Amino acid sequence: MATAQALLTPAAHTTPAVVSVENELSGRQWCSRFPGSQSIDDLVDPFKSNVKKFKAALQTAGIGVSVGATYRPRERAYLMHYCVKVARGNVSPGSGIMETIKNPRRQQAQ
């Protein structure tokens, strides 16, 4: 894998800081960095109480219920969304989109 170097120069300090960042392929390790939840209790009302009622109704009808995910952190959602766009050729990996993935709240504030 290639190692990229970036020159970081904060406005308050004029001495350049050099940081090496190793490119990394996607994989399971991304899920552990941005963990989600499988718990209905992590949802917010009124949605949470509605999901509990719906699950109970399914179980009463004899349907087995398995909750795969109830919450995906914003960072992982952005990462997955833009991975598909890059894979389909809709967005270039060098288009600056990585800044949005690393800090999605910054894009919201703009």
PDB file of N, CA and C in Angstrom:
ATOM      1  N   MET A   1       0.832  -1.188   0.000  1.00  0.00           N
ATOM      2  CA  MET A   1       0.000   0.000   0.000  1.00  0.00           C
ATOM      3  C   MET A   1       0.870   1.242   0.000  1.00  0.00           C
ATOM      4  N   ALA A   2       0.374   2.275  -0.637  1.00  0.00           N
ATOM      5  CA  ALA A   2       1.115   3.531  -0.713  1.00  0.00           C
ATOM      6  C   ALA A   2       0.902   4.352   0.549  1.00  0.00           C
ATOM      7  N   THR A   3       1.887   5.150   0.855  1.00  0.00           N
ATOM      8  CA  THR A   3       1.784   6.063   1.991  1.00  0.00           C
ATOM      9  C   THR A   3       1.735   7.484   1.447  1.00  0.00           C
ATOM     10  N   ALA A   4       0.713   8.217   1.830  1.00  0.00           N
ATOM     11  CA  ALA A   4       0.573   9.609   1.399  1.00  0.00           C
ATOM     12  C   ALA A   4       1.057  10.514   2.510  1.00  0.00           C
ATOM     13  N   GLN A   5       1.614  11.665   2.148  1.00  0.00           N
ATOM     14  CA  GLN A   5       2.035  12.631   3.143  1.00  0.00           C
ATOM     15  C   GLN A   5       1.265  13.919   2.936  1.00  0.00           C
ATOM     16  N   ALA A   6       0.874  14.532   4.039  1.00  0.00           N
ATOM     17  CA  ALA A   6       0.141  15.794   3.981  1.00  0.00           C
ATOM     18  C   ALA A   6       0.873  16.828   4.808  1.00  0.00           C
ATOM     19  N   LEU A   7       0.902  18.050   4.340  1.00  0.00           N
ATOM     20  CA  LEU A   7       1.538  19.139   5.053  1.00  0.00           C
ATOM     21  C   LEU A   7       0.458  19.905   5.797  1.00  0.00           C
ATOM     22  N   LEU A   8       0.520  19.894   7.124  1.00  0.00           N
ATOM     23  CA  LEU A   8      -0.473  20.558   7.951  1.00  0.00           C
ATOM     24  C   LEU A   8       0.160  21.787   8.581  1.00  0.00           C
ATOM     25  N   THR A   9      -0.446  22.953   8.368  1.00  0.00           N
ATOM     26  CA  THR A   9       0.087  24.183   8.929  1.00  0.00           C
ATOM     27  C   THR A   9      -1.036  24.961   9.599  1.00  0.00           C
ATOM     28  N   PRO A  10      -1.241  24.774  10.885  1.00  0.00           N
ATOM     29  CA  PRO A  10      -2.286  25.526  11.588  1.00  0.00           C
ATOM     30  C   PRO A  10      -1.963  27.023  11.591  1.00  0.00           C
ATOM     31  N   ALA A  11      -2.988  27.858  11.580  1.00  0.00           N
ATOM     32  CA  ALA A  11      -2.809  29.305  11.548  1.00  0.00           C
ATOM     33  C   ALA A  11      -2.069  29.818  12.775  1.00  0.00           C
ATOM     34  N   ALA A  12      -2.241  29.171  13.926  1.00  0.00           N
ATOM     35  CA  ALA A  12      -1.635  29.635  15.172  1.00  0.00           C
ATOM     36  C   ALA A  12      -0.161  29.250  15.285  1.00  0.00           C
ATOM     37  N   HIS A  13       0.295  28.336  14.461  1.00  0.00           N
ATOM     38  CA  HIS A  13       1.665  27.856  14.558  1.00  0.00           C
ATOM     39  C   HIS A  13       2.237  27.787  13.146  1.00  0.00           C
ATOM     40  N   THR A  14       3.382  28.391  12.917  1.00  0.00           N
ATOM     41  CA  THR A  14       3.919  28.464  11.558  1.00  0.00           C
ATOM     42  C   THR A  14       4.853  27.322  11.198  1.00  0.00           C
ATOM     43  N   THR A  15       5.218  26.479  12.158  1.00  0.00           N
ATOM     44  CA  THR A  15       6.079  25.339  11.861  1.00  0.00           C
ATOM     45  C   THR A  15       5.247  24.233  11.227  1.00  0.00           C
ATOM     46  N   PRO A  16       5.593  23.819   9.995  1.00  0.00           N
ATOM     47  CA  PRO A  16       4.803  22.770   9.342  1.00  0.00           C
ATOM     48  C   PRO A  16       4.893  21.444  10.094  1.00  0.00           C
ATOM     49  N   ALA A  17       3.797  20.743  10.147  1.00  0.00           N
ATOM     50  CA  ALA A  17       3.756  19.398  10.731  1.00  0.00           C
ATOM     51  C   ALA A  17       3.510  18.428   9.592  1.00  0.00           C
ATOM     52  N   VAL A  18       4.328  17.394   9.489  1.00  0.00           N
ATOM     53  CA  VAL A  18       4.177  16.403   8.428  1.00  0.00           C
ATOM     54  C   VAL A  18       3.578  15.150   9.034  1.00  0.00           C
ATOM     55  N   VAL A  19       2.497  14.683   8.428  1.00  0.00           N
ATOM     56  CA  VAL A  19       1.808  13.498   8.916  1.00  0.00           C
ATOM     57  C   VAL A  19       1.760  12.478   7.796  1.00  0.00           C
ATOM     58  N   SER A  20       2.141  11.257   8.084  1.00  0.00           N
ATOM     59  CA  SER A  20       2.037  10.192   7.094  1.00  0.00           C
ATOM     60  C   SER A  20       0.733   9.439   7.307  1.00  0.00           C
ATOM     61  N   VAL A  21       0.006   9.235   6.230  1.00  0.00           N
ATOM     62  CA  VAL A  21      -1.266   8.516   6.293  1.00  0.00           C
ATOM     63  C   VAL A  21      -1.193   7.366   5.307  1.00  0.00           C
ATOM     64  N   GLU A  22      -1.383   6.161   5.788  1.00  0.00           N
ATOM     65  CA  GLU A  22      -1.331   5.009   4.911  1.00  0.00           C
ATOM     66  C   GLU A  22      -2.728   4.725   4.371  1.00  0.00           C
ATOM     67  N   ASN A  23      -2.809   4.602   3.053  1.00  0.00           N
ATOM     68  CA  ASN A  23      -4.094   4.237   2.453  1.00  0.00           C
ATOM     69  C   ASN A  23      -4.490   2.856   2.935  1.00  0.00           C
ATOM     70  N   GLU A  24      -5.765   2.663   3.111  1.00  0.00           N
ATOM     71  CA  GLU A  24      -6.257   1.404   3.656  1.00  0.00           C
ATOM     72  C   GLU A  24      -7.474   0.939   2.875  1.00  0.00           C
ATOM     73  N   LEU A  25      -7.489  -0.317   2.529  1.00  0.00           N
ATOM     74  CA  LEU A  25      -8.649  -0.875   1.851  1.00  0.00           C
ATOM     75  C   LEU A  25      -9.819  -0.963   2.832  1.00  0.00           C
ATOM     76  N   SER A  26     -11.018  -0.901   2.310  1.00  0.00           N
ATOM     77  CA  SER A  26     -12.195  -1.034   3.166  1.00  0.00           C
ATOM     78  C   SER A  26     -12.320  -2.467   3.656  1.00  0.00           C
ATOM     79  N   GLY A  27     -13.077  -2.658   4.708  1.00  0.00           N
ATOM     80  CA  GLY A  27     -13.274  -3.994   5.256  1.00  0.00           C
ATOM     81  C   GLY A  27     -13.989  -3.928   6.590  1.00  0.00           C
ATOM     82  N   ARG A  28     -14.022  -5.056   7.275  1.00  0.00           N
ATOM     83  CA  ARG A  28     -14.737  -5.162   8.549  1.00  0.00           C
ATOM     84  C   ARG A  28     -14.231  -4.182   9.609  1.00  0.00           C
ATOM     85  N   GLN A  29     -12.960  -3.780   9.522  1.00  0.00           N
ATOM     86  CA  GLN A  29     -12.392  -2.889  10.532  1.00  0.00           C
ATOM     87  C   GLN A  29     -13.130  -1.555  10.587  1.00  0.00           C
ATOM     88  N   TRP A  30     -13.752  -1.125   9.503  1.00  0.00           N
ATOM     89  CA  TRP A  30     -14.491   0.128   9.489  1.00  0.00           C
ATOM     90  C   TRP A  30     -15.724   0.051  10.381  1.00  0.00           C
ATOM     91  N   CYS A  31     -16.335  -1.118  10.456  1.00  0.00           N
ATOM     92  CA  CYS A  31     -17.522  -1.276  11.312  1.00  0.00           C
ATOM     93  C   CYS A  31     -17.170  -1.094  12.779  1.00  0.00           C
ATOM     94  N   SER A  32     -16.020  -1.592  13.199  1.00  0.00           N
ATOM     95  CA  SER A  32     -15.637  -1.458  14.610  1.00  0.00           C
ATOM     96  C   SER A  32     -15.222  -0.024  14.948  1.00  0.00           C
ATOM     97  N   ARG A  33     -14.792   0.744  13.959  1.00  0.00           N
ATOM     98  CA  ARG A  33     -14.423   2.143  14.209  1.00  0.00           C
ATOM     99  C   ARG A  33     -15.646   3.031  14.387  1.00  0.00           C
ATOM    100  N   PHE A  34     -16.729   2.668  13.733  1.00  0.00           N
ATOM    101  CA  PHE A  34     -17.970   3.438  13.816  1.00  0.00           C
ATOM    102  C   PHE A  34     -19.105   2.486  14.176  1.00  0.00           C
ATOM    103  N   PRO A  35     -19.120   1.989  15.426  1.00  0.00           N
ATOM    104  CA  PRO A  35     -20.095   0.964  15.803  1.00  0.00           C
ATOM    105  C   PRO A  35     -21.532   1.478  15.797  1.00  0.00           C
ATOM    106  N   GLY A  36     -22.412   0.612  15.417  1.00  0.00           N
ATOM    107  CA  GLY A  36     -23.844   0.917  15.427  1.00  0.00           C
ATOM    108  C   GLY A  36     -24.509   0.211  16.588  1.00  0.00           C
ATOM    109  N   SER A  37     -25.782  -0.088  16.429  1.00  0.00           N
ATOM    110  CA  SER A  37     -26.531  -0.746  17.492  1.00  0.00           C
ATOM    111  C   SER A  37     -27.535  -1.722  16.889  1.00  0.00           C
ATOM    112  N   GLN A  38     -27.847  -2.745  17.654  1.00  0.00           N
ATOM    113  CA  GLN A  38     -28.900  -3.687  17.307  1.00  0.00           C
ATOM    114  C   GLN A  38     -30.037  -3.625  18.313  1.00  0.00           C
ATOM    115  N   SER A  39     -29.981  -2.658  19.204  1.00  0.00           N
ATOM    116  CA  SER A  39     -30.955  -2.556  20.281  1.00  0.00           C
ATOM    117  C   SER A  39     -32.075  -1.576  19.934  1.00  0.00           C
ATOM    118  N   ILE A  40     -33.296  -2.034  20.054  1.00  0.00           N
ATOM    119  CA  ILE A  40     -34.454  -1.170  19.844  1.00  0.00           C
ATOM    120  C   ILE A  40     -34.457  -0.045  20.878  1.00  0.00           C
ATOM    121  N   ASP A  41     -33.916  -0.308  22.051  1.00  0.00           N
ATOM    122  CA  ASP A  41     -33.875   0.711  23.111  1.00  0.00           C
ATOM    123  C   ASP A  41     -32.999   1.910  22.750  1.00  0.00           C
ATOM    124  N   ASP A  42     -32.148   1.774  21.750  1.00  0.00           N
ATOM    125  CA  ASP A  42     -31.324   2.901  21.318  1.00  0.00           C
ATOM    126  C   ASP A  42     -32.065   3.849  20.376  1.00  0.00           C
ATOM    127  N   LEU A  43     -33.263   3.472  19.966  1.00  0.00           N
ATOM    128  CA  LEU A  43     -34.079   4.341  19.117  1.00  0.00           C
ATOM    129  C   LEU A  43     -34.702   5.446  19.958  1.00  0.00           C
ATOM    130  N   VAL A  44     -35.259   6.446  19.305  1.00  0.00           N
ATOM    131  CA  VAL A  44     -35.862   7.598  19.986  1.00  0.00           C
ATOM    132  C   VAL A  44     -37.380   7.521  19.826  1.00  0.00           C
ATOM    133  N   ASP A  45     -38.091   7.823  20.923  1.00  0.00           N
ATOM    134  CA  ASP A  45     -39.553   7.870  20.865  1.00  0.00           C
ATOM    135  C   ASP A  45     -40.010   9.050  20.016  1.00  0.00           C
ATOM    136  N   PRO A  46     -41.110   8.904  19.329  1.00  0.00           N
ATOM    137  CA  PRO A  46     -42.109   7.845  19.384  1.00  0.00           C
ATOM    138  C   PRO A  46     -41.773   6.639  18.513  1.00  0.00           C
ATOM    139  N   PHE A  47     -40.712   6.755  17.694  1.00  0.00           N
ATOM    140  CA  PHE A  47     -40.368   5.646  16.813  1.00  0.00           C
ATOM    141  C   PHE A  47     -40.057   4.380  17.603  1.00  0.00           C
ATOM    142  N   LYS A  48     -39.320   4.524  18.714  1.00  0.00           N
ATOM    143  CA  LYS A  48     -38.944   3.365  19.528  1.00  0.00           C
ATOM    144  C   LYS A  48     -40.174   2.604  20.014  1.00  0.00           C
ATOM    145  N   SER A  49     -41.149   3.301  20.581  1.00  0.00           N
ATOM    146  CA  SER A  49     -42.346   2.607  21.092  1.00  0.00           C
ATOM    147  C   SER A  49     -43.142   1.983  19.951  1.00  0.00           C
ATOM    148  N   ASN A  50     -43.171   2.623  18.790  1.00  0.00           N
ATOM    149  CA  ASN A  50     -43.868   2.042  17.639  1.00  0.00           C
ATOM    150  C   ASN A  50     -43.183   0.768  17.149  1.00  0.00           C
ATOM    151  N   VAL A  51     -41.852   0.776  17.138  1.00  0.00           N
ATOM    152  CA  VAL A  51     -41.104  -0.420  16.732  1.00  0.00           C
ATOM    153  C   VAL A  51     -41.349  -1.551  17.719  1.00  0.00           C
ATOM    154  N   LYS A  52     -41.367  -1.234  19.014  1.00  0.00           N
ATOM    155  CA  LYS A  52     -41.634  -2.271  20.028  1.00  0.00           C
ATOM    156  C   LYS A  52     -43.020  -2.878  19.846  1.00  0.00           C
ATOM    157  N   LYS A  53     -44.012  -2.031  19.570  1.00  0.00           N
ATOM    158  CA  LYS A  53     -45.372  -2.532  19.340  1.00  0.00           C
ATOM    159  C   LYS A  53     -45.432  -3.399  18.088  1.00  0.00           C
ATOM    160  N   PHE A  54     -44.771  -2.958  17.045  1.00  0.00           N
ATOM    161  CA  PHE A  54     -44.751  -3.712  15.791  1.00  0.00           C
ATOM    162  C   PHE A  54     -44.075  -5.067  15.985  1.00  0.00           C
ATOM    163  N   LYS A  55     -42.942  -5.077  16.698  1.00  0.00           N
ATOM    164  CA  LYS A  55     -42.230  -6.323  16.971  1.00  0.00           C
ATOM    165  C   LYS A  55     -43.112  -7.269  17.790  1.00  0.00           C
ATOM    166  N   ALA A  56     -43.777  -6.723  18.797  1.00  0.00           N
ATOM    167  CA  ALA A  56     -44.667  -7.552  19.632  1.00  0.00           C
ATOM    168  C   ALA A  56     -45.806  -8.125  18.803  1.00  0.00           C
ATOM    169  N   ALA A  57     -46.376  -7.334  17.901  1.00  0.00           N
ATOM    170  CA  ALA A  57     -47.472  -7.817  17.042  1.00  0.00           C
ATOM    171  C   ALA A  57     -46.985  -8.944  16.134  1.00  0.00           C
ATOM    172  N   LEU A  58     -45.787  -8.805  15.586  1.00  0.00           N
ATOM    173  CA  LEU A  58     -45.227  -9.864  14.744  1.00  0.00           C
ATOM    174  C   LEU A  58     -45.029 -11.151  15.538  1.00  0.00           C
ATOM    175  N   GLN A  59     -44.480 -11.005  16.742  1.00  0.00           N
ATOM    176  CA  GLN A  59     -44.224 -12.178  17.578  1.00  0.00           C
ATOM    177  C   GLN A  59     -45.529 -12.836  18.007  1.00  0.00           C
ATOM    178  N   THR A  60     -46.556 -12.036  18.300  1.00  0.00           N
ATOM    179  CA  THR A  60     -47.863 -12.579  18.661  1.00  0.00           C
ATOM    180  C   THR A  60     -48.449 -13.380  17.507  1.00  0.00           C
ATOM    181  N   ALA A  61     -48.150 -12.952  16.289  1.00  0.00           N
ATOM    182  CA  ALA A  61     -48.634 -13.654  15.098  1.00  0.00           C
ATOM    183  C   ALA A  61     -47.771 -14.866  14.759  1.00  0.00           C
ATOM    184  N   GLY A  62     -46.768 -15.137  15.594  1.00  0.00           N
ATOM    185  CA  GLY A  62     -45.929 -16.312  15.381  1.00  0.00           C
ATOM    186  C   GLY A  62     -44.755 -16.086  14.440  1.00  0.00           C
ATOM    187  N   ILE A  63     -44.467 -14.850  14.157  1.00  0.00           N
ATOM    188  CA  ILE A  63     -43.364 -14.530  13.250  1.00  0.00           C
ATOM    189  C   ILE A  63     -42.105 -14.271  14.066  1.00  0.00           C
ATOM    190  N   GLY A  64     -41.035 -14.926  13.700  1.00  0.00           N
ATOM    191  CA  GLY A  64     -39.754 -14.714  14.364  1.00  0.00           C
ATOM    192  C   GLY A  64     -39.166 -13.370  13.970  1.00  0.00           C
ATOM    193  N   VAL A  65     -38.617 -12.660  14.919  1.00  0.00           N
ATOM    194  CA  VAL A  65     -38.039 -11.334  14.663  1.00  0.00           C
ATOM    195  C   VAL A  65     -36.568 -11.340  15.058  1.00  0.00           C
ATOM    196  N   SER A  66     -35.744 -10.914  14.133  1.00  0.00           N
ATOM    197  CA  SER A  66     -34.314 -10.773  14.383  1.00  0.00           C
ATOM    198  C   SER A  66     -33.911  -9.365  13.963  1.00  0.00           C
ATOM    199  N   VAL A  67     -33.420  -8.578  14.911  1.00  0.00           N
ATOM    200  CA  VAL A  67     -33.041  -7.200  14.625  1.00  0.00           C
ATOM    201  C   VAL A  67     -31.578  -7.184  14.203  1.00  0.00           C
ATOM    202  N   GLY A  68     -31.331  -6.767  12.963  1.00  0.00           N
ATOM    203  CA  GLY A  68     -29.965  -6.717  12.448  1.00  0.00           C
ATOM    204  C   GLY A  68     -29.266  -5.426  12.801  1.00  0.00           C
ATOM    205  N   ALA A  69     -29.988  -4.317  12.724  1.00  0.00           N
ATOM    206  CA  ALA A  69     -29.405  -3.017  13.030  1.00  0.00           C
ATOM    207  C   ALA A  69     -30.528  -2.024  13.293  1.00  0.00           C
ATOM    208  N   THR A  70     -30.311  -1.175  14.280  1.00  0.00           N
ATOM    209  CA  THR A  70     -31.278  -0.122  14.566  1.00  0.00           C
ATOM    210  C   THR A  70     -30.657   1.254  14.397  1.00  0.00           C
ATOM    211  N   TYR A  71     -29.338   1.308  14.363  1.00  0.00           N
ATOM    212  CA  TYR A  71     -28.654   2.595  14.300  1.00  0.00           C
ATOM    213  C   TYR A  71     -27.338   2.432  13.566  1.00  0.00           C
ATOM    214  N   ARG A  72     -27.059   3.332  12.636  1.00  0.00           N
ATOM    215  CA  ARG A  72     -25.760   3.379  11.959  1.00  0.00           C
ATOM    216  C   ARG A  72     -25.224   4.793  12.148  1.00  0.00           C
ATOM    217  N   PRO A  73     -24.030   4.931  12.729  1.00  0.00           N
ATOM    218  CA  PRO A  73     -23.489   6.267  12.937  1.00  0.00           C
ATOM    219  C   PRO A  73     -23.337   7.022  11.621  1.00  0.00           C
ATOM    220  N   ARG A  74     -23.460   8.326  11.714  1.00  0.00           N
ATOM    221  CA  ARG A  74     -23.396   9.195  10.528  1.00  0.00           C
ATOM    222  C   ARG A  74     -22.124   8.956   9.716  1.00  0.00           C
ATOM    223  N   GLU A  75     -20.976   8.796  10.386  1.00  0.00           N
ATOM    224  CA  GLU A  75     -19.717   8.598   9.674  1.00  0.00           C
ATOM    225  C   GLU A  75     -19.759   7.333   8.813  1.00  0.00           C
ATOM    226  N   ARG A  76     -20.293   6.246   9.368  1.00  0.00           N
ATOM    227  CA  ARG A  76     -20.365   4.988   8.618  1.00  0.00           C
ATOM    228  C   ARG A  76     -21.391   5.078   7.499  1.00  0.00           C
ATOM    229  N   ALA A  77     -22.485   5.780   7.730  1.00  0.00           N
ATOM    230  CA  ALA A  77     -23.493   5.959   6.690  1.00  0.00           C
ATOM    231  C   ALA A  77     -22.900   6.728   5.507  1.00  0.00           C
ATOM    232  N   TYR A  78     -22.164   7.807   5.797  1.00  0.00           N
ATOM    233  CA  TYR A  78     -21.516   8.570   4.736  1.00  0.00           C
ATOM    234  C   TYR A  78     -20.499   7.704   4.011  1.00  0.00           C
ATOM    235  N   LEU A  79     -19.697   6.963   4.762  1.00  0.00           N
ATOM    236  CA  LEU A  79     -18.681   6.115   4.165  1.00  0.00           C
ATOM    237  C   LEU A  79     -19.313   5.120   3.196  1.00  0.00           C
ATOM    238  N   MET A  80     -20.364   4.447   3.626  1.00  0.00           N
ATOM    239  CA  MET A  80     -21.023   3.455   2.778  1.00  0.00           C
ATOM    240  C   MET A  80     -21.678   4.113   1.560  1.00  0.00           C
ATOM    241  N   HIS A  81     -22.309   5.262   1.774  1.00  0.00           N
ATOM    242  CA  HIS A  81     -22.976   5.979   0.691  1.00  0.00           C
ATOM    243  C   HIS A  81     -21.984   6.359  -0.406  1.00  0.00           C
ATOM    244  N   TYR A  82     -20.851   6.937   0.001  1.00  0.00           N
ATOM    245  CA  TYR A  82     -19.892   7.402  -0.989  1.00  0.00           C
ATOM    246  C   TYR A  82     -19.042   6.280  -1.565  1.00  0.00           C
ATOM    247  N   CYS A  83     -18.878   5.181  -0.862  1.00  0.00           N
ATOM    248  CA  CYS A  83     -18.181   4.024  -1.439  1.00  0.00           C
ATOM    249  C   CYS A  83     -18.930   3.523  -2.668  1.00  0.00           C
ATOM    250  N   VAL A  84     -20.244   3.489  -2.582  1.00  0.00           N
ATOM    251  CA  VAL A  84     -21.061   3.058  -3.719  1.00  0.00           C
ATOM    252  C   VAL A  84     -20.900   4.048  -4.871  1.00  0.00           C
ATOM    253  N   LYS A  85     -20.922   5.338  -4.571  1.00  0.00           N
ATOM    254  CA  LYS A  85     -20.765   6.357  -5.619  1.00  0.00           C
ATOM    255  C   LYS A  85     -19.404   6.245  -6.304  1.00  0.00           C
ATOM    256  N   VAL A  86     -18.347   6.014  -5.522  1.00  0.00           N
ATOM    257  CA  VAL A  86     -17.012   5.854  -6.100  1.00  0.00           C
ATOM    258  C   VAL A  86     -16.966   4.588  -6.943  1.00  0.00           C
ATOM    259  N   ALA A  87     -17.507   3.499  -6.420  1.00  0.00           N
ATOM    260  CA  ALA A  87     -17.501   2.224  -7.146  1.00  0.00           C
ATOM    261  C   ALA A  87     -18.241   2.323  -8.477  1.00  0.00           C
ATOM    262  N   ARG A  88     -19.303   3.109  -8.520  1.00  0.00           N
ATOM    263  CA  ARG A  88     -20.088   3.266  -9.762  1.00  0.00           C
ATOM    264  C   ARG A  88     -19.515   4.335 -10.689  1.00  0.00           C
ATOM    265  N   GLY A  89     -18.463   5.021 -10.235  1.00  0.00           N
ATOM    266  CA  GLY A  89     -17.849   6.046 -11.063  1.00  0.00           C
ATOM    267  C   GLY A  89     -18.563   7.384 -11.029  1.00  0.00           C
ATOM    268  N   ASN A  90     -19.494   7.569 -10.092  1.00  0.00           N
ATOM    269  CA  ASN A  90     -20.226   8.832  -9.988  1.00  0.00           C
ATOM    270  C   ASN A  90     -19.427   9.920  -9.280  1.00  0.00           C
ATOM    271  N   VAL A  91     -18.459   9.517  -8.458  1.00  0.00           N
ATOM    272  CA  VAL A  91     -17.635  10.448  -7.691  1.00  0.00           C
ATOM    273  C   VAL A  91     -16.205   9.943  -7.748  1.00  0.00           C
ATOM    274  N   SER A  92     -15.280  10.865  -7.906  1.00  0.00           N
ATOM    275  CA  SER A  92     -13.874  10.493  -7.904  1.00  0.00           C
ATOM    276  C   SER A  92     -13.369  10.437  -6.464  1.00  0.00           C
ATOM    277  N   PRO A  93     -12.553   9.435  -6.115  1.00  0.00           N
ATOM    278  CA  PRO A  93     -12.029   9.366  -4.747  1.00  0.00           C
ATOM    279  C   PRO A  93     -11.203  10.609  -4.389  1.00  0.00           C
ATOM    280  N   GLY A  94     -10.653  11.299  -5.377  1.00  0.00           N
ATOM    281  CA  GLY A  94      -9.852  12.477  -5.127  1.00  0.00           C
ATOM    282  C   GLY A  94     -10.642  13.771  -5.177  1.00  0.00           C
ATOM    283  N   SER A  95     -11.958  13.695  -5.148  1.00  0.00           N
ATOM    284  CA  SER A  95     -12.795  14.888  -5.316  1.00  0.00           C
ATOM    285  C   SER A  95     -13.002  15.677  -4.031  1.00  0.00           C
ATOM    286  N   GLY A  96     -12.337  15.286  -2.953  1.00  0.00           N
ATOM    287  CA  GLY A  96     -12.530  15.984  -1.678  1.00  0.00           C
ATOM    288  C   GLY A  96     -13.643  15.379  -0.853  1.00  0.00           C
ATOM    289  N   ILE A  97     -14.263  14.346  -1.346  1.00  0.00           N
ATOM    290  CA  ILE A  97     -15.388  13.730  -0.645  1.00  0.00           C
ATOM    291  C   ILE A  97     -14.932  13.072   0.653  1.00  0.00           C
ATOM    292  N   MET A  98     -13.641  12.718   0.753  1.00  0.00           N
ATOM    293  CA  MET A  98     -13.141  12.097   1.988  1.00  0.00           C
ATOM    294  C   MET A  98     -13.272  13.046   3.166  1.00  0.00           C
ATOM    295  N   GLU A  99     -13.172  14.352   2.950  1.00  0.00           N
ATOM    296  CA  GLU A  99     -13.362  15.305   4.043  1.00  0.00           C
ATOM    297  C   GLU A  99     -14.788  15.244   4.571  1.00  0.00           C
ATOM    298  N   THR A 100     -15.748  15.040   3.682  1.00  0.00           N
ATOM    299  CA  THR A 100     -17.147  14.908   4.095  1.00  0.00           C
ATOM    300  C   THR A 100     -17.330  13.639   4.913  1.00  0.00           C
ATOM    301  N   ILE A 101     -16.684  12.559   4.488  1.00  0.00           N
ATOM    302  CA  ILE A 101     -16.804  11.291   5.219  1.00  0.00           C
ATOM    303  C   ILE A 101     -16.157  11.414   6.591  1.00  0.00           C
ATOM    304  N   LYS A 102     -14.993  12.060   6.675  1.00  0.00           N
ATOM    305  CA  LYS A 102     -14.286  12.192   7.947  1.00  0.00           C
ATOM    306  C   LYS A 102     -15.006  13.133   8.904  1.00  0.00           C
ATOM    307  N   ASN A 103     -15.690  14.140   8.367  1.00  0.00           N
ATOM    308  CA  ASN A 103     -16.341  15.127   9.220  1.00  0.00           C
ATOM    309  C   ASN A 103     -17.696  15.517   8.628  1.00  0.00           C
ATOM    310  N   PRO A 104     -18.689  14.615   8.653  1.00  0.00           N
ATOM    311  CA  PRO A 104     -19.977  14.905   8.039  1.00  0.00           C
ATOM    312  C   PRO A 104     -20.707  16.078   8.673  1.00  0.00           C
ATOM    313  N   ARG A 105     -20.442  16.360   9.918  1.00  0.00           N
ATOM    314  CA  ARG A 105     -21.117  17.490  10.579  1.00  0.00           C
ATOM    315  C   ARG A 105     -20.669  18.817   9.987  1.00  0.00           C
ATOM    316  N   ARG A 106     -19.443  18.856   9.452  1.00  0.00           N
ATOM    317  CA  ARG A 106     -18.955  20.075   8.826  1.00  0.00           C
ATOM    318  C   ARG A 106     -19.799  20.428   7.602  1.00  0.00           C
ATOM    319  N   GLN A 107     -20.170  19.437   6.811  1.00  0.00           N
ATOM    320  CA  GLN A 107     -20.995  19.683   5.628  1.00  0.00           C
ATOM    321  C   GLN A 107     -22.383  20.163   6.040  1.00  0.00           C
ATOM    322  N   GLN A 108     -22.914  19.631   7.124  1.00  0.00           N
ATOM    323  CA  GLN A 108     -24.237  20.040   7.601  1.00  0.00           C
ATOM    324  C   GLN A 108     -24.247  21.502   8.001  1.00  0.00           C
ATOM    325  N   ALA A 109     -23.150  21.987   8.581  1.00  0.00           N
ATOM    326  CA  ALA A 109     -23.089  23.355   9.082  1.00  0.00           C
ATOM    327  C   ALA A 109     -23.019  24.372   7.953  1.00  0.00           C
ATOM    328  N   GLN A 110     -22.570  23.945   6.767  1.00  0.00           N
ATOM    329  CA  GLN A 110     -22.427  24.871   5.637  1.00  0.00           C
ATOM    330  C   GLN A 110     -23.749  25.206   5.013  1.00  0.00           C
TER     331      GLN A 110
END
